[in-house]
Protein backbone atom coordinates (compact mmCIF):
# COMPACT_ATOMS: atom_id res chain seq x y z
CA MET A 1 0.00 0.00 0.00
CA THR A 2 1.34 3.44 -0.96
CA THR A 3 1.88 5.67 2.04
CA ARG A 4 4.07 8.76 1.84
CA LEU A 5 6.13 10.63 -0.70
CA SER A 6 9.76 10.90 0.30
CA GLY A 7 9.60 14.43 -1.10
CA ALA A 8 6.49 15.30 0.90
CA ALA A 9 6.23 17.09 4.18
CA PRO A 10 6.55 14.83 7.27
CA ALA A 11 3.40 13.76 9.10
CA ASP A 12 3.93 16.24 11.93
CA VAL A 13 3.91 19.20 9.57
CA SER A 14 0.46 20.74 9.58
CA GLU A 15 -1.56 21.60 6.51
CA LYS A 16 -1.24 25.23 7.53
CA ARG A 17 2.55 24.97 7.34
CA VAL A 18 2.29 23.38 3.90
CA ILE A 19 0.02 26.17 2.67
CA GLY A 20 2.49 28.74 3.99
CA ASN A 21 5.36 27.07 2.14
CA VAL A 22 3.33 26.91 -1.08
CA LEU A 23 2.45 30.60 -0.81
CA ARG A 24 6.06 31.60 -0.19
CA GLY A 25 7.20 29.46 -3.08
CA SER A 26 4.49 30.79 -5.37
CA ILE A 27 4.72 34.55 -4.79
CA GLY A 28 8.18 34.72 -6.30
CA ASN A 29 7.04 32.63 -9.24
CA LEU A 30 4.22 35.13 -9.75
CA ILE A 31 6.60 38.08 -10.01
CA GLU A 32 9.11 36.18 -12.13
CA TRP A 33 6.44 35.43 -14.70
CA TYR A 34 5.07 38.95 -14.52
CA ASP A 35 8.50 40.21 -15.54
CA TRP A 36 8.75 37.60 -18.28
CA TYR A 37 5.31 38.30 -19.73
CA ALA A 38 5.54 42.07 -19.46
CA TYR A 39 7.75 41.77 -22.54
CA ALA A 40 5.05 39.91 -24.48
CA ALA A 41 2.22 42.13 -23.22
CA PHE A 42 3.93 45.43 -24.09
CA THR A 43 5.61 44.32 -27.32
CA THR A 44 3.04 46.19 -29.38
CA TYR A 45 4.13 49.44 -27.72
CA PHE A 46 7.92 49.21 -27.59
CA ALA A 47 8.62 47.22 -30.78
CA LYS A 48 9.33 50.28 -32.89
CA SER A 49 11.48 51.82 -30.14
CA PHE A 50 14.05 49.08 -30.63
CA PHE A 51 13.36 48.08 -34.24
CA PRO A 52 12.45 51.24 -36.19
CA THR A 53 10.28 50.40 -39.18
CA THR A 54 7.00 51.45 -40.73
CA ASP A 55 5.96 47.80 -41.12
CA THR A 56 4.15 46.63 -37.96
CA THR A 57 4.59 42.96 -38.79
CA ALA A 58 8.34 43.47 -39.32
CA ALA A 59 8.65 45.24 -35.95
CA PHE A 60 6.75 42.43 -34.25
CA LEU A 61 9.05 39.98 -36.01
CA GLY A 62 12.11 41.71 -34.54
CA THR A 63 10.80 41.62 -30.97
CA ALA A 64 9.58 38.04 -31.49
CA ALA A 65 13.12 37.09 -32.52
CA VAL A 66 14.50 38.58 -29.29
CA PHE A 67 11.72 36.78 -27.39
CA ALA A 68 12.84 33.52 -29.00
CA VAL A 69 16.54 34.15 -28.36
CA GLY A 70 15.73 34.76 -24.70
CA PHE A 71 14.45 31.19 -24.60
CA LEU A 72 17.86 29.93 -25.68
CA MET A 73 19.19 30.89 -22.25
CA ARG A 74 16.56 28.83 -20.49
CA PRO A 75 18.39 25.51 -20.95
CA LEU A 76 21.53 27.13 -19.52
CA GLY A 77 19.45 28.46 -16.63
CA GLY A 78 17.82 25.06 -16.18
CA TRP A 79 21.26 23.46 -15.97
CA MET A 80 23.02 26.08 -13.83
CA LEU A 81 20.25 26.79 -11.34
CA GLY A 82 18.97 23.20 -11.39
CA ARG A 83 22.45 22.00 -10.43
CA PHE A 84 22.68 24.80 -7.87
CA ALA A 85 19.31 23.81 -6.34
CA ASP A 86 20.25 20.13 -6.11
CA ARG A 87 23.60 20.93 -4.49
CA PHE A 88 22.90 24.00 -2.35
CA GLY A 89 19.15 23.99 -1.76
CA ARG A 90 15.91 25.05 -3.38
CA ARG A 91 15.62 28.28 -1.38
CA ASN A 92 19.05 29.62 -2.41
CA ALA A 93 18.34 28.87 -6.06
CA LEU A 94 14.97 30.64 -5.92
CA VAL A 95 16.59 33.73 -4.39
CA LEU A 96 19.22 33.77 -7.13
CA SER A 97 16.70 33.36 -9.96
CA VAL A 98 14.54 36.31 -8.89
CA THR A 99 17.64 38.48 -8.46
CA LEU A 100 18.59 37.81 -12.08
CA MET A 101 15.06 38.67 -13.20
CA ALA A 102 15.23 42.00 -11.39
CA GLY A 103 18.45 42.85 -13.24
CA GLY A 104 16.96 42.01 -16.64
CA SER A 105 13.83 44.06 -16.05
CA LEU A 106 15.82 47.05 -14.86
CA LEU A 107 17.95 46.97 -18.00
CA ILE A 108 14.88 47.01 -20.27
CA ALA A 109 13.31 49.83 -18.25
CA VAL A 110 16.30 52.18 -18.63
CA THR A 111 17.57 51.32 -22.13
CA PRO A 112 17.21 54.32 -24.51
CA SER A 113 15.48 53.88 -27.87
CA TYR A 114 17.10 53.12 -31.22
CA HIS A 115 16.72 56.74 -32.24
CA THR A 116 18.89 57.75 -29.26
CA ILE A 117 21.69 55.14 -29.13
CA GLY A 118 21.29 53.29 -32.43
CA ILE A 119 22.19 49.62 -32.69
CA ALA A 120 23.08 49.53 -28.98
CA ALA A 121 19.34 49.60 -28.15
CA PRO A 122 18.41 46.18 -29.60
CA ILE A 123 21.71 44.76 -28.28
CA LEU A 124 20.85 45.86 -24.74
CA LEU A 125 17.31 44.54 -25.17
CA LEU A 126 18.74 41.21 -26.23
CA THR A 127 21.14 41.18 -23.26
CA ALA A 128 18.27 41.83 -20.86
CA ARG A 129 16.21 39.00 -22.34
CA LEU A 130 19.17 36.64 -22.09
CA ILE A 131 19.44 37.42 -18.38
CA GLN A 132 15.70 36.93 -17.93
CA GLY A 133 15.85 33.67 -19.88
CA LEU A 134 18.57 32.42 -17.54
CA SER A 135 16.36 33.34 -14.58
CA VAL A 136 13.17 31.72 -15.86
CA GLY A 137 15.04 28.57 -16.90
CA GLY A 138 16.10 28.05 -13.31
CA GLU A 139 12.87 29.31 -11.74
CA TYR A 140 10.67 26.71 -13.40
CA SER A 141 12.66 23.67 -12.32
CA THR A 142 13.34 24.90 -8.81
CA SER A 143 9.80 26.09 -8.06
CA ALA A 144 8.33 22.88 -9.53
CA THR A 145 10.66 20.85 -7.36
CA TYR A 146 10.00 22.93 -4.26
CA LEU A 147 6.20 22.79 -4.58
CA SER A 148 6.25 19.03 -5.18
CA GLU A 149 8.47 18.43 -2.17
CA VAL A 150 6.48 20.50 0.34
CA ALA A 151 3.08 19.15 -0.73
CA THR A 152 1.19 16.70 1.47
CA PRO A 153 0.40 13.15 0.27
CA GLY A 154 -2.66 12.92 -1.93
CA LYS A 155 -2.64 16.64 -2.72
CA ARG A 156 0.51 16.89 -4.77
CA GLY A 157 -1.32 17.61 -8.02
CA PHE A 158 -3.44 20.28 -6.35
CA TYR A 159 -0.56 22.16 -4.73
CA SER A 160 1.79 21.83 -7.70
CA SER A 161 -0.88 23.31 -9.97
CA PHE A 162 -0.28 26.65 -8.27
CA GLN A 163 2.89 26.98 -10.32
CA TYR A 164 0.72 27.69 -13.36
CA VAL A 165 -1.78 29.66 -11.29
CA THR A 166 1.06 32.06 -10.50
CA LEU A 167 2.39 31.80 -14.06
CA TYR A 168 -0.99 32.88 -15.39
CA GLY A 169 -1.17 35.35 -12.51
CA GLY A 170 2.03 36.98 -13.67
CA GLN A 171 0.56 37.37 -17.13
CA LEU A 172 -2.64 38.78 -15.61
CA LEU A 173 -0.63 41.35 -13.67
CA ALA A 174 1.12 42.39 -16.88
CA LEU A 175 -2.16 42.65 -18.78
CA GLY A 176 -3.89 44.36 -15.84
CA LEU A 177 -1.18 47.00 -15.67
CA GLN A 178 -1.49 47.40 -19.42
CA LEU A 179 -5.23 48.07 -19.07
CA ILE A 180 -4.56 50.67 -16.36
CA LEU A 181 -1.91 52.40 -18.44
CA GLN A 182 -4.16 52.32 -21.50
CA ALA A 183 -6.81 54.13 -19.44
CA LEU A 184 -4.42 56.72 -17.99
CA LEU A 185 -2.11 57.40 -20.94
CA THR A 186 -2.60 58.15 -24.61
CA GLU A 187 -1.44 55.75 -27.32
CA GLN A 188 1.46 58.07 -28.10
CA GLN A 189 2.53 58.27 -24.45
CA LEU A 190 2.43 54.50 -24.08
CA THR A 191 4.47 54.01 -27.24
CA SER A 192 6.94 56.75 -26.32
CA TRP A 193 7.68 56.05 -22.64
CA GLY A 194 4.68 54.55 -20.82
CA TRP A 195 5.69 50.96 -21.51
CA ARG A 196 8.81 51.49 -19.36
CA ILE A 197 6.60 51.72 -16.26
CA ALA A 198 5.81 48.00 -16.59
CA PHE A 199 9.47 47.02 -16.37
CA GLY A 200 10.12 49.47 -13.55
CA VAL A 201 7.30 47.90 -11.54
CA GLY A 202 8.73 44.46 -12.30
CA THR A 203 12.15 45.48 -11.05
CA ILE A 204 10.83 46.76 -7.72
CA ALA A 205 8.59 43.71 -7.24
CA ALA A 206 11.42 41.27 -8.01
CA LEU A 207 13.74 42.97 -5.52
CA THR A 208 11.01 42.76 -2.88
CA VAL A 209 10.52 39.05 -3.54
CA MET A 210 14.26 38.50 -3.36
CA TRP A 211 14.15 39.78 0.21
CA LEU A 212 11.05 37.69 1.07
CA ARG A 213 12.51 34.49 -0.34
CA ARG A 214 15.50 34.72 1.93
CA GLY A 215 13.14 33.80 4.78
CA MET A 216 11.65 30.71 3.07
CA ASP A 217 11.89 27.26 4.66
CA GLU A 218 14.06 24.75 2.83
CA SER A 219 12.19 21.65 1.67
CA GLU A 220 12.26 18.74 4.11
CA SER A 221 13.30 16.16 1.52
CA TYR A 222 16.31 18.22 0.45
CA GLN A 223 17.40 18.63 4.07
CA ARG A 224 17.13 14.90 4.69
CA GLU A 225 19.32 14.02 1.72
CA ALA A 226 21.62 17.05 1.63
CA GLY A 227 24.56 15.13 3.04
CA GLU A 228 24.17 12.09 0.79
CA ASN A 229 25.83 11.51 -2.61
CA LYS A 230 27.38 14.97 -2.62
CA GLY A 231 29.60 14.11 -5.57
CA GLU A 232 26.63 13.25 -7.80
CA ARG A 233 24.03 15.75 -6.67
CA GLY A 234 22.89 17.88 -9.59
CA THR A 235 25.46 16.53 -12.05
CA LEU A 236 24.96 15.66 -15.70
CA ARG A 237 26.62 12.31 -14.97
CA ALA A 238 23.87 11.46 -12.48
CA LEU A 239 21.17 12.76 -14.83
CA ALA A 240 22.48 10.57 -17.65
CA LYS A 241 21.37 7.53 -15.66
CA TYR A 242 17.76 8.46 -16.46
CA PRO A 243 17.57 8.53 -20.30
CA LYS A 244 13.96 7.31 -20.44
CA GLU A 245 12.82 9.96 -17.98
CA ILE A 246 14.66 12.66 -19.94
CA ALA A 247 12.93 11.56 -23.15
CA LEU A 248 9.58 11.58 -21.36
CA VAL A 249 10.09 15.17 -20.20
CA VAL A 250 10.82 16.21 -23.79
CA GLY A 251 7.78 14.39 -25.12
CA LEU A 252 5.53 15.68 -22.35
CA THR A 253 6.61 19.25 -22.97
CA LEU A 254 6.68 19.50 -26.78
CA GLY A 255 2.99 19.85 -27.55
CA GLY A 256 2.18 21.54 -24.25
CA THR A 257 4.63 24.40 -24.63
CA VAL A 258 3.65 25.11 -28.25
CA GLY A 259 -0.05 25.01 -27.38
CA PHE A 260 0.42 27.19 -24.31
CA TYR A 261 2.40 29.92 -26.05
CA THR A 262 0.02 29.88 -29.01
CA PHE A 263 -3.12 30.55 -26.97
CA ALA A 264 -1.69 32.38 -23.94
CA THR A 265 0.72 34.83 -25.62
CA TYR A 266 0.67 34.76 -29.44
CA SER A 267 -3.13 35.10 -29.52
CA GLN A 268 -2.73 38.73 -28.42
CA LYS A 269 -0.78 39.63 -31.57
CA PHE A 270 -2.91 37.26 -33.67
CA LEU A 271 -6.19 38.92 -32.71
CA GLU A 272 -4.74 42.37 -33.29
CA ASN A 273 -2.75 41.75 -36.45
CA THR A 274 -4.96 39.12 -38.18
CA ALA A 275 -8.47 39.50 -36.77
CA HIS A 276 -7.96 43.31 -36.58
CA ILE A 277 -9.69 43.66 -33.22
CA PRO A 278 -8.74 46.95 -31.49
CA ARG A 279 -5.75 46.69 -29.16
CA ARG A 280 -7.53 47.58 -25.92
CA GLN A 281 -10.34 45.11 -26.64
CA VAL A 282 -7.76 42.40 -27.30
CA THR A 283 -6.12 43.12 -23.95
CA ILE A 284 -9.48 42.75 -22.17
CA VAL A 285 -10.24 39.53 -24.07
CA LEU A 286 -6.91 37.96 -23.13
CA PHE A 287 -7.11 39.17 -19.52
CA CYS A 288 -10.53 37.59 -18.99
CA ALA A 289 -9.64 34.33 -20.72
CA ILE A 290 -6.42 33.92 -18.71
CA LEU A 291 -8.23 34.75 -15.47
CA VAL A 292 -10.63 31.86 -16.06
CA ALA A 293 -7.73 29.61 -17.07
CA ALA A 294 -5.89 30.43 -13.82
CA ILE A 295 -8.94 29.43 -11.78
CA LEU A 296 -9.10 26.12 -13.65
CA GLN A 297 -5.55 25.07 -12.74
CA PRO A 298 -6.08 23.94 -9.11
CA LEU A 299 -9.40 22.33 -10.05
CA ALA A 300 -7.65 20.25 -12.70
CA GLY A 301 -4.73 19.56 -10.36
CA LYS A 302 -7.12 18.30 -7.67
CA LEU A 303 -8.87 16.13 -10.24
CA SER A 304 -5.53 14.55 -11.13
CA ASP A 305 -5.06 13.54 -7.48
CA ARG A 306 -8.29 11.54 -7.80
CA ILE A 307 -8.12 10.03 -11.28
CA GLY A 308 -4.40 10.24 -12.11
CA ARG A 309 -2.27 12.43 -14.36
CA ARG A 310 -2.61 10.54 -17.68
CA PRO A 311 -6.34 11.20 -18.22
CA LEU A 312 -5.74 14.95 -18.12
CA LEU A 313 -2.74 14.69 -20.43
CA LEU A 314 -4.81 12.62 -22.86
CA PHE A 315 -7.58 15.23 -22.72
CA PHE A 316 -5.09 17.88 -23.78
CA GLY A 317 -3.46 15.69 -26.43
CA ILE A 318 -6.72 14.68 -28.12
CA GLY A 319 -8.30 18.12 -27.80
CA GLY A 320 -5.20 19.98 -28.99
CA THR A 321 -4.74 17.70 -31.99
CA LEU A 322 -8.34 17.93 -33.18
CA LEU A 323 -9.36 21.47 -32.20
CA THR A 324 -6.33 23.72 -32.78
CA VAL A 325 -6.85 24.21 -36.53
CA PRO A 326 -10.59 25.01 -36.35
CA LEU A 327 -10.15 27.25 -33.30
CA MET A 328 -7.35 29.29 -34.88
CA THR A 329 -9.13 29.46 -38.24
CA VAL A 330 -12.31 30.88 -36.73
CA MET A 331 -10.33 33.15 -34.40
CA GLY A 332 -8.54 34.71 -37.35
CA SER A 333 -11.80 35.67 -39.04
CA THR A 334 -13.78 36.85 -36.02
CA ARG A 335 -14.38 40.55 -35.43
CA ASN A 336 -16.42 40.08 -32.27
CA PRO A 337 -14.45 40.46 -28.99
CA VAL A 338 -16.92 38.22 -27.12
CA GLY A 339 -16.49 35.49 -29.71
CA ALA A 340 -12.72 35.94 -29.54
CA PHE A 341 -12.86 35.51 -25.74
CA PHE A 342 -14.63 32.16 -25.98
CA LEU A 343 -12.27 30.94 -28.71
CA VAL A 344 -9.14 31.82 -26.70
CA LEU A 345 -10.70 30.36 -23.56
CA ALA A 346 -11.54 27.12 -25.39
CA GLY A 347 -7.88 26.79 -26.34
CA LEU A 348 -6.74 27.49 -22.78
CA VAL A 349 -9.22 24.97 -21.33
CA VAL A 350 -7.74 22.29 -23.56
CA VAL A 351 -4.20 23.35 -22.65
CA ALA A 352 -5.14 23.14 -18.93
CA GLY A 353 -4.91 19.37 -19.24
CA TYR A 354 -1.17 19.93 -19.61
CA THR A 355 -0.42 23.13 -17.67
CA SER A 356 -2.16 22.11 -14.44
CA ILE A 357 -0.06 19.00 -13.87
CA ASN A 358 3.02 19.18 -16.08
CA ALA A 359 5.29 20.26 -13.21
CA ILE A 360 4.30 17.45 -10.85
CA VAL A 361 4.42 14.79 -13.58
CA LYS A 362 8.03 15.72 -14.34
CA ALA A 363 8.99 15.96 -10.67
CA GLU A 364 7.56 12.48 -10.08
CA LEU A 365 9.97 11.04 -12.63
CA PHE A 366 13.19 11.81 -10.71
CA PRO A 367 14.69 11.18 -7.25
CA THR A 368 15.46 14.07 -4.90
CA ARG A 369 19.20 14.28 -5.58
CA ILE A 370 18.70 15.04 -9.26
CA ARG A 371 15.11 16.31 -9.37
CA ALA A 372 15.66 20.03 -10.04
CA LEU A 373 18.14 19.38 -12.85
CA GLY A 374 16.10 16.47 -14.24
CA VAL A 375 12.97 18.62 -14.42
CA GLY A 376 14.71 21.78 -15.56
CA LEU A 377 17.24 20.94 -18.26
CA PRO A 378 15.23 18.76 -20.71
CA TYR A 379 12.16 20.92 -20.15
CA ALA A 380 14.07 24.15 -20.84
CA LEU A 381 15.69 22.69 -23.97
CA THR A 382 12.29 21.70 -25.34
CA VAL A 383 10.72 25.04 -24.49
CA ALA A 384 13.64 26.89 -26.06
CA ILE A 385 13.40 24.95 -29.32
CA PHE A 386 9.62 24.79 -29.65
CA GLY A 387 7.91 27.16 -27.22
CA GLY A 388 10.24 30.09 -27.72
CA THR A 389 10.07 29.86 -31.49
CA ALA A 390 6.27 29.44 -31.74
CA GLU A 391 5.55 33.15 -32.13
CA LEU A 392 8.55 33.64 -34.40
CA ILE A 393 7.36 30.85 -36.71
CA ALA A 394 3.82 32.24 -36.66
CA GLN A 395 4.97 35.77 -37.57
CA ALA A 396 7.33 34.49 -40.26
CA LEU A 397 4.61 32.37 -41.88
CA LYS A 398 2.19 35.29 -41.76
CA SER A 399 4.78 37.55 -43.37
CA ALA A 400 5.27 34.94 -46.09
CA GLY A 401 1.52 34.67 -46.68
CA HIS A 402 1.13 31.14 -45.24
CA GLU A 403 -0.30 31.86 -41.81
CA THR A 404 -2.60 28.82 -41.73
CA VAL A 405 0.41 26.48 -41.93
CA PHE A 406 1.18 27.51 -38.34
CA PHE A 407 -2.18 26.11 -37.15
CA TRP A 408 -1.25 22.68 -38.52
CA TYR A 409 2.23 22.97 -37.03
CA VAL A 410 0.75 23.44 -33.55
CA ALA A 411 -1.64 20.52 -33.98
CA GLY A 412 1.24 18.33 -35.19
CA CYS A 413 3.35 19.15 -32.13
CA VAL A 414 0.45 18.24 -29.85
CA LEU A 415 -0.03 14.97 -31.74
CA VAL A 416 3.57 13.97 -30.99
CA SER A 417 2.95 14.55 -27.28
CA LEU A 418 -0.34 12.65 -27.48
CA ILE A 419 1.59 9.58 -28.58
CA VAL A 420 3.81 9.97 -25.51
CA TYR A 421 0.82 10.39 -23.19
CA GLY A 422 -0.77 7.25 -24.60
CA THR A 423 2.29 5.10 -23.91
CA MET A 424 3.66 6.48 -20.62
CA ARG A 425 2.98 5.10 -17.14
CA GLU A 426 0.82 6.78 -14.50
CA THR A 427 3.39 8.72 -12.47
CA SER A 428 1.18 9.49 -9.46
CA LYS A 429 1.11 5.79 -8.51
CA THR A 430 4.59 4.61 -9.49
CA SER A 431 6.78 7.63 -8.74
CA GLU A 432 10.20 7.19 -7.16
CA LEU A 433 8.96 9.81 -4.70
CA GLU A 434 6.72 7.17 -3.14
CA GLU A 435 7.73 5.21 -0.08
CA ARG A 436 6.16 1.78 -0.06
């Protein structure tokens, strides 16, 4: 009979203590993702500041390229901070990741425009995104590991789902601030200097979280094993002993990351640039859809604790494969904001089958000594190759006059993951985290 997770909180730790740990682990994740998504949310305003052109699609393409390049640092961040977390603790790694994010946001906030410093402007923008990519690459693996290790038995899916609640929450904060600034400032003011406020806010918030995270509790499972296998903790040599698990992380992530970035971030530019819905209405549509999606995450996570992880993954795989093309096709031709809301929401509901439990599924594949690196590195590589390039591919295909090809590309990526979901084991019952 399955009893306790070796990564779970001991029996004498109260539920209240667990909730406190989850909140402390999640608040930093919220701000990290706010800083990350502020770039995507305000791209439409600062694109021409760094890439001067009269062609809106070309300007979006330039910022999308920088967005994609930022993802290239995520594998490095997943390796560096994942190794750091496995060797020196989850708390220390989480403090370091949010410090890096603060630095990247500050650099974007203060960088002059192309018209002022020329080519140095896009170079500094790129540098800032590389720093942020390093931060997010380490944040995902460490926060996923931390939340899985402090969760109580039987509620691991529920508590781990808060990683995407805060991820969506960060995007909501970015969009919410955008709505406020749109109400207070003119279009010209936002395009000229107003967008810098978003990155200034992100800098201050990240520095505040850095201070708060210094008071976090270290996870119990890390403390218990901190003195064991010091030579192998967080090393690529140790990770190489789990080739099947590494392949599973890649397969799990492929369709999920492409589907997520398509509906959660690219849809903003898609509705504006293809459906030609006014910018402010698009912001409201995306804000409302993501708010509902955030609420769905813990509900789906709790469901996975009852019925297992695979049914939810299969729901996403089947739904994403069959519905992506029709959803995107109709979305591109709609002119009704209400209709656009339901179309985006439909996509996010399908994606919830992946987002709500992807962190815990990956954490359940690896033992404590290698968990942060095992979750972080293959995930970050997959996201960098497929998630980070999704918007770039979409913009390039649109520019070439073949936008609908992107719809089929997304569906194809989800299909690959569906095959993985159909053949993998149920991790909630057979995880190495379980004590038997």
